[in-house]
Amino acid sequence: MKYLESVLAFLVIPFSLHLRNFQQGIIASINASNRTRRHAEIKNIVVLCFLSMLVAVSCAPMKSSVRQWMDAKRGAPGFDLTGRWDAGPITGGGWGGASFIQTGDGFLGTMGPYSVEGIVNGNDAYMMILSGGRVYYTAKVSLRTDGTVVGIAAEKSLVGTDKAAASTQYPLILRREGETEIHTDPGGSN
């Protein structure tokens, strides 16, 4: 019996060592495969993110083309946007508070989290709405007799173009804060 036990031990122990090495080899292979798969997945995610950013940037109008669009709209200003405006609460679908400084027919300012550049022509204003130096919206607004400035903003396109008609558009309503008078003189001598 002892002889049989020693023979079995002689056969079983190496077999179990081989089995354990075999299992460890399979586990190492699976782990290496998982690392390779994870690496490939991460690489794919990075490539997809890059392509998404590239598409987003290529879909948005460039500053230079928006400036050309605004320059083509230049004319004599019929009102002055200088001051503080309420564009509705951001949480309610508005743009937030706005503040503009107008010089001649051009103006600069902020609206909610965005920077704004624009021009005024007659009772219309054309805006380039940016964040981080990138154009997100263009807008055309018009002065109404009650002093509000109302219009539309188009996402990633130039307002009034075929592309804008197919893009997402948002209402833009500006009400002057703390004033009831209408500024009709661009020189501010009203």
C-alpha atoms as a PDB file:
ATOM      1  CA  MET A   1       0.000   0.000   0.000  1.00  0.00           C
ATOM      2  CA  LYS A   2       2.827   2.388   0.845  1.00  0.00           C
ATOM      3  CA  TYR A   3       4.352   1.569  -2.491  1.00  0.00           C
ATOM      4  CA  LEU A   4       1.100   2.435  -4.277  1.00  0.00           C
ATOM      5  CA  GLU A   5       0.855   5.708  -2.332  1.00  0.00           C
ATOM      6  CA  SER A   6       4.392   6.689  -3.265  1.00  0.00           C
ATOM      7  CA  VAL A   7       3.778   5.858  -6.926  1.00  0.00           C
ATOM      8  CA  LEU A   8       0.565   7.895  -6.886  1.00  0.00           C
ATOM      9  CA  ALA A   9       2.331  10.754  -5.129  1.00  0.00           C
ATOM     10  CA  PHE A  10       5.124  10.525  -7.701  1.00  0.00           C
ATOM     11  CA  LEU A  11       2.571  10.799 -10.517  1.00  0.00           C
ATOM     12  CA  VAL A  12       0.006  13.171  -8.955  1.00  0.00           C
ATOM     13  CA  ILE A  13       2.346  15.860  -7.580  1.00  0.00           C
ATOM     14  CA  PRO A  14       4.057  16.609 -10.933  1.00  0.00           C
ATOM     15  CA  PHE A  15       0.685  16.442 -12.663  1.00  0.00           C
ATOM     16  CA  SER A  16      -0.809  18.959 -10.202  1.00  0.00           C
ATOM     17  CA  LEU A  17       2.252  21.208 -10.669  1.00  0.00           C
ATOM     18  CA  HIS A  18       1.803  21.019 -14.440  1.00  0.00           C
ATOM     19  CA  LEU A  19      -1.912  21.684 -14.030  1.00  0.00           C
ATOM     20  CA  ARG A  20      -1.202  24.704 -11.806  1.00  0.00           C
ATOM     21  CA  ASN A  21       1.371  26.045 -14.311  1.00  0.00           C
ATOM     22  CA  PHE A  22      -1.112  25.437 -17.103  1.00  0.00           C
ATOM     23  CA  GLN A  23      -3.814  27.350 -15.171  1.00  0.00           C
ATOM     24  CA  GLN A  24      -1.412  30.207 -14.414  1.00  0.00           C
ATOM     25  CA  GLY A  25      -0.407  30.322 -18.081  1.00  0.00           C
ATOM     26  CA  ILE A  26      -4.055  30.525 -19.139  1.00  0.00           C
ATOM     27  CA  ILE A  27      -4.745  33.251 -16.556  1.00  0.00           C
ATOM     28  CA  ALA A  28      -1.665  35.208 -17.702  1.00  0.00           C
ATOM     29  CA  SER A  29      -2.777  34.826 -21.301  1.00  0.00           C
ATOM     30  CA  ILE A  30      -6.286  36.034 -20.437  1.00  0.00           C
ATOM     31  CA  ASN A  31      -4.871  38.994 -18.487  1.00  0.00           C
ATOM     32  CA  ALA A  32      -2.568  39.879 -21.381  1.00  0.00           C
ATOM     33  CA  SER A  33      -5.476  39.530 -23.773  1.00  0.00           C
ATOM     34  CA  ASN A  34      -7.636  41.739 -21.532  1.00  0.00           C
ATOM     35  CA  ARG A  35      -4.851  44.340 -21.341  1.00  0.00           C
ATOM     36  CA  THR A  36      -4.528  44.269 -25.108  1.00  0.00           C
ATOM     37  CA  ARG A  37      -8.294  44.511 -25.507  1.00  0.00           C
ATOM     38  CA  ARG A  38      -8.491  47.361 -22.978  1.00  0.00           C
ATOM     39  CA  HIS A  39      -5.642  49.125 -24.759  1.00  0.00           C
ATOM     40  CA  ALA A  40      -7.459  48.737 -28.078  1.00  0.00           C
ATOM     41  CA  GLU A  41     -10.725  49.985 -26.513  1.00  0.00           C
ATOM     42  CA  ILE A  42      -8.995  53.026 -25.019  1.00  0.00           C
ATOM     43  CA  LYS A  43      -7.297  53.711 -28.348  1.00  0.00           C
ATOM     44  CA  ASN A  44     -10.677  53.497 -30.114  1.00  0.00           C
ATOM     45  CA  ILE A  45     -12.256  55.863 -27.575  1.00  0.00           C
ATOM     46  CA  VAL A  46      -9.438  58.387 -28.017  1.00  0.00           C
ATOM     47  CA  VAL A  47      -9.765  58.202 -31.811  1.00  0.00           C
ATOM     48  CA  LEU A  48     -13.561  58.613 -31.610  1.00  0.00           C
ATOM     49  CA  CYS A  49     -13.217  61.612 -29.274  1.00  0.00           C
ATOM     50  CA  PHE A  50     -10.717  63.212 -31.629  1.00  0.00           C
ATOM     51  CA  LEU A  51     -12.966  62.625 -34.637  1.00  0.00           C
ATOM     52  CA  SER A  52     -15.987  63.997 -32.739  1.00  0.00           C
ATOM     53  CA  MET A  53     -14.076  67.155 -31.859  1.00  0.00           C
ATOM     54  CA  LEU A  54     -12.903  67.465 -35.451  1.00  0.00           C
ATOM     55  CA  VAL A  55     -16.478  67.155 -36.731  1.00  0.00           C
ATOM     56  CA  ALA A  56     -17.752  69.636 -34.127  1.00  0.00           C
ATOM     57  CA  VAL A  57     -15.086  72.162 -35.047  1.00  0.00           C
ATOM     58  CA  SER A  58     -15.641  71.696 -38.765  1.00  0.00           C
ATOM     59  CA  CYS A  59     -19.412  72.123 -38.348  1.00  0.00           C
ATOM     60  CA  ALA A  60     -19.083  75.397 -36.462  1.00  0.00           C
ATOM     61  CA  PRO A  61     -18.544  78.508 -38.545  1.00  0.00           C
ATOM     62  CA  MET A  62     -15.075  79.990 -38.341  1.00  0.00           C
ATOM     63  CA  LYS A  63     -14.620  83.449 -36.806  1.00  0.00           C
ATOM     64  CA  SER A  64     -13.315  84.823 -40.089  1.00  0.00           C
ATOM     65  CA  SER A  65     -16.392  83.704 -42.060  1.00  0.00           C
ATOM     66  CA  VAL A  66     -18.714  85.094 -39.349  1.00  0.00           C
ATOM     67  CA  ARG A  67     -16.833  88.427 -39.412  1.00  0.00           C
ATOM     68  CA  GLN A  68     -17.231  88.536 -43.194  1.00  0.00           C
ATOM     69  CA  TRP A  69     -20.957  87.833 -42.757  1.00  0.00           C
ATOM     70  CA  MET A  70     -21.240  90.649 -40.185  1.00  0.00           C
ATOM     71  CA  ASP A  71     -19.148  93.054 -42.305  1.00  0.00           C
ATOM     72  CA  ALA A  72     -21.576  92.500 -45.188  1.00  0.00           C
ATOM     73  CA  LYS A  73     -24.395  93.624 -42.851  1.00  0.00           C
ATOM     74  CA  ARG A  74     -22.709  96.909 -41.832  1.00  0.00           C
ATOM     75  CA  GLY A  75     -24.662 100.147 -42.071  1.00  0.00           C
ATOM     76  CA  ALA A  76     -25.702 103.162 -40.043  1.00  0.00           C
ATOM     77  CA  PRO A  77     -26.753 102.119 -36.525  1.00  0.00           C
ATOM     78  CA  GLY A  78     -30.301 103.062 -35.530  1.00  0.00           C
ATOM     79  CA  PHE A  79     -29.939 102.311 -31.808  1.00  0.00           C
ATOM     80  CA  ASP A  80     -27.337 101.805 -29.097  1.00  0.00           C
ATOM     81  CA  LEU A  81     -26.931  98.452 -27.329  1.00  0.00           C
ATOM     82  CA  THR A  82     -24.601  99.882 -24.668  1.00  0.00           C
ATOM     83  CA  GLY A  83     -25.724  98.848 -21.189  1.00  0.00           C
ATOM     84  CA  ARG A  84     -27.037  95.918 -19.208  1.00  0.00           C
ATOM     85  CA  TRP A  85     -29.723  93.652 -20.589  1.00  0.00           C
ATOM     86  CA  ASP A  86     -31.770  90.729 -19.323  1.00  0.00           C
ATOM     87  CA  ALA A  87     -31.926  87.824 -21.779  1.00  0.00           C
ATOM     88  CA  GLY A  88     -33.985  85.580 -19.487  1.00  0.00           C
ATOM     89  CA  PRO A  89     -32.778  83.105 -16.863  1.00  0.00           C
ATOM     90  CA  ILE A  90     -30.455  80.420 -18.194  1.00  0.00           C
ATOM     91  CA  THR A  91     -32.344  77.786 -16.183  1.00  0.00           C
ATOM     92  CA  GLY A  92     -35.560  78.837 -17.914  1.00  0.00           C
ATOM     93  CA  GLY A  93     -34.190  78.575 -21.439  1.00  0.00           C
ATOM     94  CA  GLY A  94     -32.845  82.133 -21.621  1.00  0.00           C
ATOM     95  CA  TRP A  95     -29.319  83.364 -22.158  1.00  0.00           C
ATOM     96  CA  GLY A  96     -28.736  85.097 -18.805  1.00  0.00           C
ATOM     97  CA  GLY A  97     -27.662  88.646 -18.137  1.00  0.00           C
ATOM     98  CA  ALA A  98     -26.009  90.594 -20.931  1.00  0.00           C
ATOM     99  CA  SER A  99     -23.783  93.640 -21.027  1.00  0.00           C
ATOM    100  CA  PHE A 100     -22.641  95.425 -24.177  1.00  0.00           C
ATOM    101  CA  ILE A 101     -20.456  98.392 -25.099  1.00  0.00           C
ATOM    102  CA  GLN A 102     -21.129  99.884 -28.519  1.00  0.00           C
ATOM    103  CA  THR A 103     -18.715 102.090 -30.432  1.00  0.00           C
ATOM    104  CA  GLY A 104     -20.069 103.297 -33.764  1.00  0.00           C
ATOM    105  CA  ASP A 105     -21.817 100.355 -35.376  1.00  0.00           C
ATOM    106  CA  GLY A 106     -19.718  97.695 -33.584  1.00  0.00           C
ATOM    107  CA  PHE A 107     -20.241  96.292 -30.113  1.00  0.00           C
ATOM    108  CA  LEU A 108     -18.612  93.846 -27.701  1.00  0.00           C
ATOM    109  CA  GLY A 109     -19.952  92.246 -24.564  1.00  0.00           C
ATOM    110  CA  THR A 110     -21.084  89.184 -22.709  1.00  0.00           C
ATOM    111  CA  MET A 111     -24.324  87.280 -22.545  1.00  0.00           C
ATOM    112  CA  GLY A 112     -24.563  84.633 -19.846  1.00  0.00           C
ATOM    113  CA  PRO A 113     -21.420  82.491 -20.176  1.00  0.00           C
ATOM    114  CA  TYR A 114     -20.706  83.686 -23.721  1.00  0.00           C
ATOM    115  CA  SER A 115     -18.659  86.478 -25.268  1.00  0.00           C
ATOM    116  CA  VAL A 116     -20.446  88.482 -27.937  1.00  0.00           C
ATOM    117  CA  GLU A 117     -19.183  90.541 -30.876  1.00  0.00           C
ATOM    118  CA  GLY A 118     -21.530  92.262 -33.249  1.00  0.00           C
ATOM    119  CA  ILE A 119     -22.641  95.138 -35.410  1.00  0.00           C
ATOM    120  CA  VAL A 120     -25.772  97.283 -35.498  1.00  0.00           C
ATOM    121  CA  ASN A 121     -27.354  98.281 -38.803  1.00  0.00           C
ATOM    122  CA  GLY A 122     -30.525 100.360 -38.570  1.00  0.00           C
ATOM    123  CA  ASN A 123     -32.815  98.615 -36.092  1.00  0.00           C
ATOM    124  CA  ASP A 124     -31.070  95.245 -36.551  1.00  0.00           C
ATOM    125  CA  ALA A 125     -28.077  93.803 -34.739  1.00  0.00           C
ATOM    126  CA  TYR A 126     -26.001  90.850 -35.893  1.00  0.00           C
ATOM    127  CA  MET A 127     -24.090  88.851 -33.288  1.00  0.00           C
ATOM    128  CA  MET A 128     -21.324  86.294 -33.088  1.00  0.00           C
ATOM    129  CA  ILE A 129     -21.733  84.357 -29.817  1.00  0.00           C
ATOM    130  CA  LEU A 130     -18.522  82.676 -28.660  1.00  0.00           C
ATOM    131  CA  SER A 131     -17.082  80.602 -25.858  1.00  0.00           C
ATOM    132  CA  GLY A 132     -13.392  79.861 -25.530  1.00  0.00           C
ATOM    133  CA  GLY A 133     -12.737  81.717 -28.774  1.00  0.00           C
ATOM    134  CA  ARG A 134     -15.025  79.359 -30.712  1.00  0.00           C
ATOM    135  CA  VAL A 135     -18.222  80.461 -32.450  1.00  0.00           C
ATOM    136  CA  TYR A 136     -21.253  78.588 -31.113  1.00  0.00           C
ATOM    137  CA  TYR A 137     -24.108  80.761 -32.396  1.00  0.00           C
ATOM    138  CA  THR A 138     -24.851  83.640 -34.692  1.00  0.00           C
ATOM    139  CA  ALA A 139     -27.876  85.824 -34.105  1.00  0.00           C
ATOM    140  CA  LYS A 140     -29.963  88.494 -35.740  1.00  0.00           C
ATOM    141  CA  VAL A 141     -32.094  90.630 -33.449  1.00  0.00           C
ATOM    142  CA  SER A 142     -34.270  93.672 -34.124  1.00  0.00           C
ATOM    143  CA  LEU A 143     -35.303  96.616 -31.965  1.00  0.00           C
ATOM    144  CA  ARG A 144     -39.031  96.748 -31.266  1.00  0.00           C
ATOM    145  CA  THR A 145     -41.012  99.869 -30.445  1.00  0.00           C
ATOM    146  CA  ASP A 146     -41.327  98.785 -26.788  1.00  0.00           C
ATOM    147  CA  GLY A 147     -37.517  98.828 -26.439  1.00  0.00           C
ATOM    148  CA  THR A 148     -36.996  95.070 -26.429  1.00  0.00           C
ATOM    149  CA  VAL A 149     -34.564  93.559 -28.871  1.00  0.00           C
ATOM    150  CA  VAL A 150     -35.918  90.303 -30.277  1.00  0.00           C
ATOM    151  CA  GLY A 151     -34.620  87.737 -32.717  1.00  0.00           C
ATOM    152  CA  ILE A 152     -33.194  84.314 -33.258  1.00  0.00           C
ATOM    153  CA  ALA A 153     -29.861  82.596 -32.671  1.00  0.00           C
ATOM    154  CA  ALA A 154     -28.759  79.723 -34.902  1.00  0.00           C
ATOM    155  CA  GLU A 155     -26.441  77.039 -33.611  1.00  0.00           C
ATOM    156  CA  LYS A 156     -23.248  76.412 -35.616  1.00  0.00           C
ATOM    157  CA  SER A 157     -24.454  78.319 -38.672  1.00  0.00           C
ATOM    158  CA  LEU A 158     -24.986  81.811 -40.033  1.00  0.00           C
ATOM    159  CA  VAL A 159     -28.461  83.211 -39.328  1.00  0.00           C
ATOM    160  CA  GLY A 160     -30.484  83.734 -42.482  1.00  0.00           C
ATOM    161  CA  THR A 161     -28.739  81.019 -44.517  1.00  0.00           C
ATOM    162  CA  ASP A 162     -30.087  77.672 -45.729  1.00  0.00           C
ATOM    163  CA  LYS A 163     -27.816  75.891 -43.248  1.00  0.00           C
ATOM    164  CA  ALA A 164     -29.282  77.982 -40.407  1.00  0.00           C
ATOM    165  CA  ALA A 165     -32.812  77.014 -41.459  1.00  0.00           C
ATOM    166  CA  ALA A 166     -31.825  73.373 -40.947  1.00  0.00           C
ATOM    167  CA  SER A 167     -29.927  73.998 -37.685  1.00  0.00           C
ATOM    168  CA  THR A 168     -31.219  74.301 -34.154  1.00  0.00           C
ATOM    169  CA  GLN A 169     -32.498  77.829 -33.521  1.00  0.00           C
ATOM    170  CA  TYR A 170     -33.208  79.582 -30.235  1.00  0.00           C
ATOM    171  CA  PRO A 171     -35.214  82.706 -29.420  1.00  0.00           C
ATOM    172  CA  LEU A 172     -33.206  85.668 -28.180  1.00  0.00           C
ATOM    173  CA  ILE A 173     -35.080  88.398 -26.286  1.00  0.00           C
ATOM    174  CA  LEU A 174     -33.174  91.266 -24.664  1.00  0.00           C
ATOM    175  CA  ARG A 175     -34.843  93.647 -22.208  1.00  0.00           C
ATOM    176  CA  ARG A 176     -32.849  96.611 -20.950  1.00  0.00           C
ATOM    177  CA  GLU A 177     -32.270  96.369 -17.194  1.00  0.00           C
ATOM    178  CA  GLY A 178     -33.557  99.236 -15.076  1.00  0.00           C
ATOM    179  CA  GLU A 179     -34.622 101.475 -17.959  1.00  0.00           C
ATOM    180  CA  THR A 180     -37.819 102.054 -19.813  1.00  0.00           C
ATOM    181  CA  GLU A 181     -36.581 104.516 -22.458  1.00  0.00           C
ATOM    182  CA  ILE A 182     -35.526 103.413 -25.902  1.00  0.00           C
ATOM    183  CA  HIS A 183     -32.013 104.358 -27.011  1.00  0.00           C
ATOM    184  CA  THR A 184     -32.468 105.394 -30.610  1.00  0.00           C
ATOM    185  CA  ASP A 185     -29.399 107.601 -30.926  1.00  0.00           C
ATOM    186  CA  PRO A 186     -26.207 105.548 -31.360  1.00  0.00           C
ATOM    187  CA  GLY A 187     -24.212 108.453 -29.893  1.00  0.00           C
ATOM    188  CA  GLY A 188     -26.035 108.019 -26.595  1.00  0.00           C
ATOM    189  CA  SER A 189     -27.316 111.633 -26.421  1.00  0.00           C
ATOM    190  CA  ASN A 190     -30.944 110.518 -26.153  1.00  0.00           C
END
